[in-house]
PDB file of all heavy atoms in Angstrom:
ATOM      1  N   VAL A   1      -5.356  -1.692   3.252  1.00  0.00           N
ATOM      2  CA  VAL A   1      -6.550  -0.852   3.148  1.00  0.00           C
ATOM      3  C   VAL A   1      -6.785  -0.409   1.711  1.00  0.00           C
ATOM      4  O   VAL A   1      -7.913  -0.470   1.200  1.00  0.00           O
ATOM      5  CB  VAL A   1      -6.449   0.366   4.089  1.00  0.00           C
ATOM      6  CG1 VAL A   1      -7.586   1.351   3.825  1.00  0.00           C
ATOM      7  CG2 VAL A   1      -6.474  -0.084   5.538  1.00  0.00           C
ATOM      8  N   ALA A   2      -5.735   0.056   1.029  1.00  0.00           N
ATOM      9  CA  ALA A   2      -5.895   0.503  -0.357  1.00  0.00           C
ATOM     10  C   ALA A   2      -6.385  -0.634  -1.245  1.00  0.00           C
ATOM     11  O   ALA A   2      -7.216  -0.427  -2.137  1.00  0.00           O
ATOM     12  CB  ALA A   2      -4.572   1.058  -0.884  1.00  0.00           C
ATOM     13  N   GLU A   3      -5.902  -1.847  -0.986  1.00  0.00           N
ATOM     14  CA  GLU A   3      -6.360  -3.003  -1.760  1.00  0.00           C
ATOM     15  C   GLU A   3      -7.848  -3.243  -1.534  1.00  0.00           C
ATOM     16  O   GLU A   3      -8.593  -3.533  -2.488  1.00  0.00           O
ATOM     17  CB  GLU A   3      -5.560  -4.257  -1.360  1.00  0.00           C
ATOM     18  CG  GLU A   3      -4.148  -4.305  -1.913  1.00  0.00           C
ATOM     19  CD  GLU A   3      -3.126  -3.538  -1.079  1.00  0.00           C
ATOM     20  OE1 GLU A   3      -3.540  -2.801  -0.144  1.00  0.00           O
ATOM     21  OE2 GLU A   3      -1.933  -3.665  -1.353  1.00  0.00           O
ATOM     22  N   ARG A   4      -8.290  -3.113  -0.276  1.00  0.00           N
ATOM     23  CA  ARG A   4      -9.713  -3.329   0.015  1.00  0.00           C
ATOM     24  C   ARG A   4     -10.575  -2.258  -0.640  1.00  0.00           C
ATOM     25  O   ARG A   4     -11.727  -2.516  -0.999  1.00  0.00           O
ATOM     26  CB  ARG A   4      -9.947  -3.356   1.521  1.00  0.00           C
ATOM     27  CG  ARG A   4      -9.358  -4.588   2.204  1.00  0.00           C
ATOM     28  CD  ARG A   4      -9.946  -4.796   3.595  1.00  0.00           C
ATOM     29  NE  ARG A   4      -9.561  -3.746   4.529  1.00  0.00           N
ATOM     30  CZ  ARG A   4      -8.444  -3.745   5.249  1.00  0.00           C
ATOM     31  NH1 ARG A   4      -7.562  -4.736   5.099  1.00  0.00           N
ATOM     32  NH2 ARG A   4      -8.188  -2.775   6.090  1.00  0.00           N
ATOM     33  N   LEU A   5     -10.023  -1.070  -0.804  1.00  0.00           N
ATOM     34  CA  LEU A   5     -10.768   0.006  -1.463  1.00  0.00           C
ATOM     35  C   LEU A   5     -10.786  -0.147  -2.980  1.00  0.00           C
ATOM     36  O   LEU A   5     -11.553   0.529  -3.666  1.00  0.00           O
ATOM     37  CB  LEU A   5     -10.164   1.364  -1.099  1.00  0.00           C
ATOM     38  CG  LEU A   5     -10.295   1.816   0.355  1.00  0.00           C
ATOM     39  CD1 LEU A   5      -9.506   3.106   0.590  1.00  0.00           C
ATOM     40  CD2 LEU A   5     -11.759   2.016   0.733  1.00  0.00           C
ATOM     41  N   GLY A   6      -9.914  -1.017  -3.499  1.00  0.00           N
ATOM     42  CA  GLY A   6      -9.857  -1.222  -4.945  1.00  0.00           C
ATOM     43  C   GLY A   6      -8.877  -0.321  -5.654  1.00  0.00           C
ATOM     44  O   GLY A   6      -8.900  -0.224  -6.890  1.00  0.00           O
ATOM     45  N   VAL A   7      -7.992   0.346  -4.889  1.00  0.00           N
ATOM     46  CA  VAL A   7      -7.017   1.260  -5.504  1.00  0.00           C
ATOM     47  C   VAL A   7      -5.600   0.918  -5.031  1.00  0.00           C
ATOM     48  O   VAL A   7      -4.753   1.800  -4.870  1.00  0.00           O
ATOM     49  CB  VAL A   7      -7.349   2.739  -5.201  1.00  0.00           C
ATOM     50  CG1 VAL A   7      -8.621   3.154  -5.895  1.00  0.00           C
ATOM     51  CG2 VAL A   7      -7.454   2.974  -3.683  1.00  0.00           C
ATOM     52  N   GLY A   8      -5.356  -0.379  -4.820  1.00  0.00           N
ATOM     53  CA  GLY A   8      -4.027  -0.813  -4.419  1.00  0.00           C
ATOM     54  C   GLY A   8      -3.049  -0.765  -5.565  1.00  0.00           C
ATOM     55  O   GLY A   8      -3.413  -0.457  -6.717  1.00  0.00           O
ATOM     56  N   PRO A   9      -1.782  -1.070  -5.316  1.00  0.00           N
ATOM     57  CA  PRO A   9      -0.749  -0.982  -6.351  1.00  0.00           C
ATOM     58  C   PRO A   9      -1.028  -1.847  -7.577  1.00  0.00           C
ATOM     59  O   PRO A   9      -0.815  -1.409  -8.708  1.00  0.00           O
ATOM     60  CB  PRO A   9       0.519  -1.447  -5.628  1.00  0.00           C
ATOM     61  CG  PRO A   9       0.235  -1.357  -4.191  1.00  0.00           C
ATOM     62  CD  PRO A   9      -1.232  -1.452  -4.012  1.00  0.00           C
ATOM     63  N   ASP A  10      -1.482  -3.071  -7.373  1.00  0.00           N
ATOM     64  CA  ASP A  10      -1.708  -3.956  -8.513  1.00  0.00           C
ATOM     65  C   ASP A  10      -2.748  -3.372  -9.464  1.00  0.00           C
ATOM     66  O   ASP A  10      -2.561  -3.384 -10.691  1.00  0.00           O
ATOM     67  CB  ASP A  10      -2.156  -5.340  -8.037  1.00  0.00           C
ATOM     68  CG  ASP A  10      -1.043  -6.103  -7.333  1.00  0.00           C
ATOM     69  OD1 ASP A  10       0.132  -5.681  -7.454  1.00  0.00           O
ATOM     70  OD2 ASP A  10      -1.353  -7.100  -6.649  1.00  0.00           O
ATOM     71  N   GLU A  11      -3.842  -2.878  -8.900  1.00  0.00           N
ATOM     72  CA  GLU A  11      -4.898  -2.313  -9.736  1.00  0.00           C
ATOM     73  C   GLU A  11      -4.426  -1.053 -10.459  1.00  0.00           C
ATOM     74  O   GLU A  11      -4.717  -0.846 -11.642  1.00  0.00           O
ATOM     75  CB  GLU A  11      -6.124  -1.989  -8.880  1.00  0.00           C
ATOM     76  CG  GLU A  11      -7.380  -1.672  -9.671  1.00  0.00           C
ATOM     77  CD  GLU A  11      -7.817  -2.813 -10.559  1.00  0.00           C
ATOM     78  OE1 GLU A  11      -7.825  -3.964 -10.093  1.00  0.00           O
ATOM     79  OE2 GLU A  11      -8.160  -2.547 -11.730  1.00  0.00           O
ATOM     80  N   CYS A  12      -3.666  -0.214  -9.746  1.00  0.00           N
ATOM     81  CA  CYS A  12      -3.186   1.029 -10.360  1.00  0.00           C
ATOM     82  C   CYS A  12      -2.142   0.745 -11.445  1.00  0.00           C
ATOM     83  O   CYS A  12      -2.160   1.372 -12.516  1.00  0.00           O
ATOM     84  CB  CYS A  12      -2.606   1.947  -9.289  1.00  0.00           C
ATOM     85  SG  CYS A  12      -3.860   2.669  -8.195  1.00  0.00           S
ATOM     86  N   LEU A  13      -1.241  -0.194 -11.202  1.00  0.00           N
ATOM     87  CA  LEU A  13      -0.230  -0.534 -12.205  1.00  0.00           C
ATOM     88  C   LEU A  13      -0.855  -1.223 -13.415  1.00  0.00           C
ATOM     89  O   LEU A  13      -0.350  -1.127 -14.532  1.00  0.00           O
ATOM     90  CB  LEU A  13       0.853  -1.413 -11.585  1.00  0.00           C
ATOM     91  CG  LEU A  13       1.850  -0.665 -10.695  1.00  0.00           C
ATOM     92  CD1 LEU A  13       2.597  -1.627  -9.785  1.00  0.00           C
ATOM     93  CD2 LEU A  13       2.828   0.133 -11.546  1.00  0.00           C
ATOM     94  N   LYS A  14      -1.967  -1.904 -13.196  1.00  0.00           N
ATOM     95  CA  LYS A  14      -2.678  -2.524 -14.307  1.00  0.00           C
ATOM     96  C   LYS A  14      -3.239  -1.431 -15.229  1.00  0.00           C
ATOM     97  O   LYS A  14      -3.212  -1.557 -16.455  1.00  0.00           O
ATOM     98  CB  LYS A  14      -3.809  -3.398 -13.770  1.00  0.00           C
ATOM     99  CG  LYS A  14      -4.526  -4.221 -14.833  1.00  0.00           C
ATOM    100  CD  LYS A  14      -5.720  -4.957 -14.243  1.00  0.00           C
ATOM    101  CE  LYS A  14      -5.309  -5.849 -13.071  1.00  0.00           C
ATOM    102  NZ  LYS A  14      -6.499  -6.572 -12.508  1.00  0.00           N
ATOM    103  N   ARG A  15      -3.737  -0.360 -14.620  1.00  0.00           N
ATOM    104  CA  ARG A  15      -4.289   0.747 -15.399  1.00  0.00           C
ATOM    105  C   ARG A  15      -3.195   1.605 -16.028  1.00  0.00           C
ATOM    106  O   ARG A  15      -3.381   2.181 -17.090  1.00  0.00           O
ATOM    107  CB  ARG A  15      -5.166   1.635 -14.509  1.00  0.00           C
ATOM    108  CG  ARG A  15      -6.416   0.979 -13.971  1.00  0.00           C
ATOM    109  CD  ARG A  15      -7.389   0.585 -15.087  1.00  0.00           C
ATOM    110  NE  ARG A  15      -8.647   0.116 -14.548  1.00  0.00           N
ATOM    111  CZ  ARG A  15      -9.752   0.872 -14.469  1.00  0.00           C
ATOM    112  NH1 ARG A  15      -9.749   2.124 -14.906  1.00  0.00           N
ATOM    113  NH2 ARG A  15     -10.857   0.369 -13.954  1.00  0.00           N
ATOM    114  N   ASN A  16      -2.063   1.710 -15.324  1.00  0.00           N
ATOM    115  CA  ASN A  16      -0.981   2.578 -15.786  1.00  0.00           C
ATOM    116  C   ASN A  16       0.353   1.936 -15.393  1.00  0.00           C
ATOM    117  O   ASN A  16       0.838   2.129 -14.283  1.00  0.00           O
ATOM    118  CB  ASN A  16      -1.117   3.967 -15.153  1.00  0.00           C
ATOM    119  CG  ASN A  16      -0.037   4.934 -15.598  1.00  0.00           C
ATOM    120  OD1 ASN A  16       0.906   4.561 -16.294  1.00  0.00           O
ATOM    121  ND2 ASN A  16      -0.151   6.188 -15.181  1.00  0.00           N
ATOM    122  N   PRO A  17       0.959   1.157 -16.296  1.00  0.00           N
ATOM    123  CA  PRO A  17       2.195   0.431 -15.955  1.00  0.00           C
ATOM    124  C   PRO A  17       3.364   1.323 -15.562  1.00  0.00           C
ATOM    125  O   PRO A  17       4.340   0.840 -14.985  1.00  0.00           O
ATOM    126  CB  PRO A  17       2.508  -0.338 -17.254  1.00  0.00           C
ATOM    127  CG  PRO A  17       1.199  -0.436 -17.967  1.00  0.00           C
ATOM    128  CD  PRO A  17       0.477   0.834 -17.649  1.00  0.00           C
ATOM    129  N   LYS A  18       3.252   2.618 -15.845  1.00  0.00           N
ATOM    130  CA  LYS A  18       4.357   3.530 -15.528  1.00  0.00           C
ATOM    131  C   LYS A  18       4.128   4.282 -14.209  1.00  0.00           C
ATOM    132  O   LYS A  18       4.982   5.054 -13.780  1.00  0.00           O
ATOM    133  CB  LYS A  18       4.541   4.525 -16.677  1.00  0.00           C
ATOM    134  CG  LYS A  18       5.866   5.256 -16.677  1.00  0.00           C
ATOM    135  CD  LYS A  18       5.977   6.192 -17.878  1.00  0.00           C
ATOM    136  CE  LYS A  18       7.279   6.982 -17.842  1.00  0.00           C
ATOM    137  NZ  LYS A  18       7.406   7.913 -18.993  1.00  0.00           N
ATOM    138  N   ILE A  19       2.999   4.018 -13.559  1.00  0.00           N
ATOM    139  CA  ILE A  19       2.673   4.774 -12.348  1.00  0.00           C
ATOM    140  C   ILE A  19       3.656   4.448 -11.222  1.00  0.00           C
ATOM    141  O   ILE A  19       4.069   3.307 -11.042  1.00  0.00           O
ATOM    142  CB  ILE A  19       1.227   4.487 -11.891  1.00  0.00           C
ATOM    143  CG1 ILE A  19       0.743   5.538 -10.883  1.00  0.00           C
ATOM    144  CG2 ILE A  19       1.111   3.098 -11.268  1.00  0.00           C
ATOM    145  CD1 ILE A  19       0.254   6.790 -11.508  1.00  0.00           C
ATOM    146  N   VAL A  20       4.054   5.473 -10.480  1.00  0.00           N
ATOM    147  CA  VAL A  20       4.841   5.291  -9.261  1.00  0.00           C
ATOM    148  C   VAL A  20       3.870   5.339  -8.098  1.00  0.00           C
ATOM    149  O   VAL A  20       3.125   6.312  -7.936  1.00  0.00           O
ATOM    150  CB  VAL A  20       5.920   6.384  -9.135  1.00  0.00           C
ATOM    151  CG1 VAL A  20       6.526   6.387  -7.739  1.00  0.00           C
ATOM    152  CG2 VAL A  20       6.997   6.179 -10.189  1.00  0.00           C
ATOM    153  N   TYR A  21       3.858   4.287  -7.301  1.00  0.00           N
ATOM    154  CA  TYR A  21       2.883   4.153  -6.228  1.00  0.00           C
ATOM    155  C   TYR A  21       3.604   4.246  -4.875  1.00  0.00           C
ATOM    156  O   TYR A  21       4.323   3.343  -4.475  1.00  0.00           O
ATOM    157  CB  TYR A  21       2.164   2.799  -6.344  1.00  0.00           C
ATOM    158  CG  TYR A  21       0.907   2.672  -5.518  1.00  0.00           C
ATOM    159  CD1 TYR A  21      -0.351   2.708  -6.098  1.00  0.00           C
ATOM    160  CD2 TYR A  21       0.977   2.497  -4.133  1.00  0.00           C
ATOM    161  CE1 TYR A  21      -1.509   2.580  -5.338  1.00  0.00           C
ATOM    162  CE2 TYR A  21      -0.158   2.382  -3.368  1.00  0.00           C
ATOM    163  CZ  TYR A  21      -1.408   2.428  -3.977  1.00  0.00           C
ATOM    164  OH  TYR A  21      -2.542   2.313  -3.217  1.00  0.00           O
ATOM    165  N   GLY A  22       3.397   5.347  -4.171  1.00  0.00           N
ATOM    166  CA  GLY A  22       4.042   5.563  -2.881  1.00  0.00           C
ATOM    167  C   GLY A  22       3.164   5.109  -1.727  1.00  0.00           C
ATOM    168  O   GLY A  22       1.976   5.433  -1.682  1.00  0.00           O
ATOM    169  N   ARG A  23       3.770   4.355  -0.806  1.00  0.00           N
ATOM    170  CA  ARG A  23       3.056   3.892   0.377  1.00  0.00           C
ATOM    171  C   ARG A  23       3.834   4.304   1.619  1.00  0.00           C
ATOM    172  O   ARG A  23       4.986   3.909   1.793  1.00  0.00           O
ATOM    173  CB  ARG A  23       2.897   2.366   0.360  1.00  0.00           C
ATOM    174  CG  ARG A  23       2.491   1.785  -0.962  1.00  0.00           C
ATOM    175  CD  ARG A  23       2.012   0.351  -0.852  1.00  0.00           C
ATOM    176  NE  ARG A  23       0.634   0.318  -0.355  1.00  0.00           N
ATOM    177  CZ  ARG A  23      -0.123  -0.790  -0.331  1.00  0.00           C
ATOM    178  NH1 ARG A  23       0.400  -1.944  -0.707  1.00  0.00           N
ATOM    179  NH2 ARG A  23      -1.359  -0.751   0.101  1.00  0.00           N
ATOM    180  N   MET A  24       3.212   5.107   2.455  1.00  0.00           N
ATOM    181  CA  MET A  24       3.896   5.559   3.668  1.00  0.00           C
ATOM    182  C   MET A  24       3.159   5.035   4.903  1.00  0.00           C
ATOM    183  O   MET A  24       1.961   5.259   5.077  1.00  0.00           O
ATOM    184  CB  MET A  24       3.981   7.077   3.723  1.00  0.00           C
ATOM    185  CG  MET A  24       4.717   7.587   4.957  1.00  0.00           C
ATOM    186  SD  MET A  24       5.129   9.333   4.847  1.00  0.00           S
ATOM    187  CE  MET A  24       3.523  10.033   4.503  1.00  0.00           C
ATOM    188  N   THR A  25       3.891   4.332   5.736  1.00  0.00           N
ATOM    189  CA  THR A  25       3.370   3.821   6.996  1.00  0.00           C
ATOM    190  C   THR A  25       4.426   4.015   8.076  1.00  0.00           C
ATOM    191  O   THR A  25       5.577   4.337   7.783  1.00  0.00           O
ATOM    192  CB  THR A  25       3.032   2.320   6.899  1.00  0.00           C
ATOM    193  OG1 THR A  25       4.221   1.612   6.542  1.00  0.00           O
ATOM    194  CG2 THR A  25       1.946   2.058   5.880  1.00  0.00           C
ATOM    195  N   GLY A  26       4.028   3.786   9.318  1.00  0.00           N
ATOM    196  CA  GLY A  26       5.000   3.856  10.403  1.00  0.00           C
ATOM    197  C   GLY A  26       5.889   2.634  10.464  1.00  0.00           C
ATOM    198  O   GLY A  26       7.109   2.738  10.540  1.00  0.00           O
ATOM    199  N   TRP A  27       5.260   1.445  10.397  1.00  0.00           N
ATOM    200  CA  TRP A  27       5.993   0.201  10.604  1.00  0.00           C
ATOM    201  C   TRP A  27       6.440  -0.459   9.307  1.00  0.00           C
ATOM    202  O   TRP A  27       7.287  -1.355   9.343  1.00  0.00           O
ATOM    203  CB  TRP A  27       5.127  -0.790  11.376  1.00  0.00           C
ATOM    204  CG  TRP A  27       4.587  -0.296  12.677  1.00  0.00           C
ATOM    205  CD1 TRP A  27       3.284  -0.067  12.990  1.00  0.00           C
ATOM    206  CD2 TRP A  27       5.317   0.024  13.867  1.00  0.00           C
ATOM    207  NE1 TRP A  27       3.144   0.371  14.286  1.00  0.00           N
ATOM    208  CE2 TRP A  27       4.391   0.437  14.857  1.00  0.00           C
ATOM    209  CE3 TRP A  27       6.681   0.006  14.193  1.00  0.00           C
ATOM    210  CZ2 TRP A  27       4.770   0.822  16.133  1.00  0.00           C
ATOM    211  CZ3 TRP A  27       7.061   0.392  15.482  1.00  0.00           C
ATOM    212  CH2 TRP A  27       6.115   0.783  16.434  1.00  0.00           C
ATOM    213  N   GLY A  28       5.887  -0.065   8.166  1.00  0.00           N
ATOM    214  CA  GLY A  28       6.232  -0.692   6.900  1.00  0.00           C
ATOM    215  C   GLY A  28       5.158  -1.663   6.446  1.00  0.00           C
ATOM    216  O   GLY A  28       4.211  -1.969   7.182  1.00  0.00           O
ATOM    217  N   GLN A  29       5.292  -2.142   5.225  1.00  0.00           N
ATOM    218  CA  GLN A  29       4.298  -3.029   4.642  1.00  0.00           C
ATOM    219  C   GLN A  29       4.389  -4.458   5.186  1.00  0.00           C
ATOM    220  O   GLN A  29       3.446  -5.218   5.073  1.00  0.00           O
ATOM    221  CB  GLN A  29       4.449  -3.045   3.117  1.00  0.00           C
ATOM    222  CG  GLN A  29       4.172  -1.707   2.455  1.00  0.00           C
ATOM    223  CD  GLN A  29       2.748  -1.225   2.668  1.00  0.00           C
ATOM    224  OE1 GLN A  29       1.803  -1.964   2.465  1.00  0.00           O
ATOM    225  NE2 GLN A  29       2.590   0.031   3.097  1.00  0.00           N
ATOM    226  N   GLU A  30       5.545  -4.835   5.720  1.00  0.00           N
ATOM    227  CA  GLU A  30       5.711  -6.168   6.301  1.00  0.00           C
ATOM    228  C   GLU A  30       6.321  -6.055   7.694  1.00  0.00           C
ATOM    229  O   GLU A  30       6.799  -5.004   8.071  1.00  0.00           O
ATOM    230  CB  GLU A  30       6.634  -7.037   5.436  1.00  0.00           C
ATOM    231  CG  GLU A  30       6.102  -7.342   4.057  1.00  0.00           C
ATOM    232  CD  GLU A  30       6.870  -6.596   2.991  1.00  0.00           C
ATOM    233  OE1 GLU A  30       7.950  -6.072   3.311  1.00  0.00           O
ATOM    234  OE2 GLU A  30       6.385  -6.537   1.855  1.00  0.00           O
ATOM    235  N   GLY A  31       6.317  -7.180   8.387  1.00  0.00           N
ATOM    236  CA  GLY A  31       6.908  -7.231   9.719  1.00  0.00           C
ATOM    237  C   GLY A  31       5.852  -7.477  10.772  1.00  0.00           C
ATOM    238  O   GLY A  31       4.651  -7.246  10.547  1.00  0.00           O
ATOM    239  N   PRO A  32       6.253  -7.950  11.962  1.00  0.00           N
ATOM    240  CA  PRO A  32       5.300  -8.303  13.020  1.00  0.00           C
ATOM    241  C   PRO A  32       4.391  -7.157  13.449  1.00  0.00           C
ATOM    242  O   PRO A  32       3.276  -7.401  13.915  1.00  0.00           O
ATOM    243  CB  PRO A  32       6.206  -8.744  14.175  1.00  0.00           C
ATOM    244  CG  PRO A  32       7.492  -9.133  13.542  1.00  0.00           C
ATOM    245  CD  PRO A  32       7.653  -8.256  12.350  1.00  0.00           C
ATOM    246  N   LEU A  33       4.839  -5.903  13.305  1.00  0.00           N
ATOM    247  CA  LEU A  33       4.038  -4.762  13.765  1.00  0.00           C
ATOM    248  C   LEU A  33       3.306  -4.049  12.637  1.00  0.00           C
ATOM    249  O   LEU A  33       2.682  -3.006  12.872  1.00  0.00           O
ATOM    250  CB  LEU A  33       4.943  -3.756  14.488  1.00  0.00           C
ATOM    251  CG  LEU A  33       5.598  -4.230  15.784  1.00  0.00           C
ATOM    252  CD1 LEU A  33       6.537  -3.168  16.327  1.00  0.00           C
ATOM    253  CD2 LEU A  33       4.542  -4.582  16.825  1.00  0.00           C
ATOM    254  N   SER A  34       3.363  -4.577  11.430  1.00  0.00           N
ATOM    255  CA  SER A  34       2.855  -3.840  10.265  1.00  0.00           C
ATOM    256  C   SER A  34       1.383  -3.459  10.387  1.00  0.00           C
ATOM    257  O   SER A  34       0.959  -2.444   9.819  1.00  0.00           O
ATOM    258  CB  SER A  34       3.082  -4.637   8.983  1.00  0.00           C
ATOM    259  OG  SER A  34       2.392  -5.874   9.022  1.00  0.00           O
ATOM    260  N   GLN A  35       0.590  -4.240  11.121  1.00  0.00           N
ATOM    261  CA  GLN A  35      -0.836  -3.936  11.257  1.00  0.00           C
ATOM    262  C   GLN A  35      -1.165  -3.188  12.548  1.00  0.00           C
ATOM    263  O   GLN A  35      -2.330  -2.883  12.811  1.00  0.00           O
ATOM    264  CB  GLN A  35      -1.646  -5.229  11.191  1.00  0.00           C
ATOM    265  CG  GLN A  35      -1.676  -5.874   9.817  1.00  0.00           C
ATOM    266  CD  GLN A  35      -2.365  -5.003   8.783  1.00  0.00           C
ATOM    267  OE1 GLN A  35      -3.295  -4.262   9.079  1.00  0.00           O
ATOM    268  NE2 GLN A  35      -1.901  -5.087   7.542  1.00  0.00           N
ATOM    269  N   ALA A  36      -0.165  -2.896  13.350  1.00  0.00           N
ATOM    270  CA  ALA A  36      -0.412  -2.223  14.629  1.00  0.00           C
ATOM    271  C   ALA A  36      -0.540  -0.712  14.444  1.00  0.00           C
ATOM    272  O   ALA A  36       0.064  -0.120  13.547  1.00  0.00           O
ATOM    273  CB  ALA A  36       0.729  -2.521  15.605  1.00  0.00           C
ATOM    274  N   ALA A  37      -1.338  -0.097  15.304  1.00  0.00           N
ATOM    275  CA  ALA A  37      -1.418   1.360  15.322  1.00  0.00           C
ATOM    276  C   ALA A  37      -0.138   1.926  15.915  1.00  0.00           C
ATOM    277  O   ALA A  37       0.586   1.243  16.650  1.00  0.00           O
ATOM    278  CB  ALA A  37      -2.628   1.814  16.133  1.00  0.00           C
ATOM    279  N   GLY A  38       0.146   3.165  15.622  1.00  0.00           N
ATOM    280  CA  GLY A  38       1.338   3.799  16.170  1.00  0.00           C
ATOM    281  C   GLY A  38       1.402   5.262  15.799  1.00  0.00           C
ATOM    282  O   GLY A  38       0.627   5.747  14.967  1.00  0.00           O
ATOM    283  N   HIS A  39       2.314   5.960  16.424  1.00  0.00           N
ATOM    284  CA  HIS A  39       2.586   7.359  16.104  1.00  0.00           C
ATOM    285  C   HIS A  39       4.095   7.570  16.106  1.00  0.00           C
ATOM    286  O   HIS A  39       4.866   6.671  16.489  1.00  0.00           O
ATOM    287  CB  HIS A  39       1.897   8.299  17.094  1.00  0.00           C
ATOM    288  CG  HIS A  39       0.459   8.560  16.767  1.00  0.00           C
ATOM    289  ND1 HIS A  39       0.066   9.188  15.603  1.00  0.00           N
ATOM    290  CD2 HIS A  39      -0.680   8.272  17.446  1.00  0.00           C
ATOM    291  CE1 HIS A  39      -1.243   9.291  15.575  1.00  0.00           C
ATOM    292  NE2 HIS A  39      -1.732   8.735  16.683  1.00  0.00           N
TER     293      HIS A  39
END
C-alpha cells in the first residue's frame, strides 16, 4: 500500500539514505497470508 501511495521504503530511502523505515503488519511483509486481513 505504501508503495502504491508513493511513500514506500525505496522512495523514502532515496530521499534520505539514513531514514529508518518501520513497517508493522499482522502477518509480515512476506508469506502466504501477507495480503490477508486479520486481527
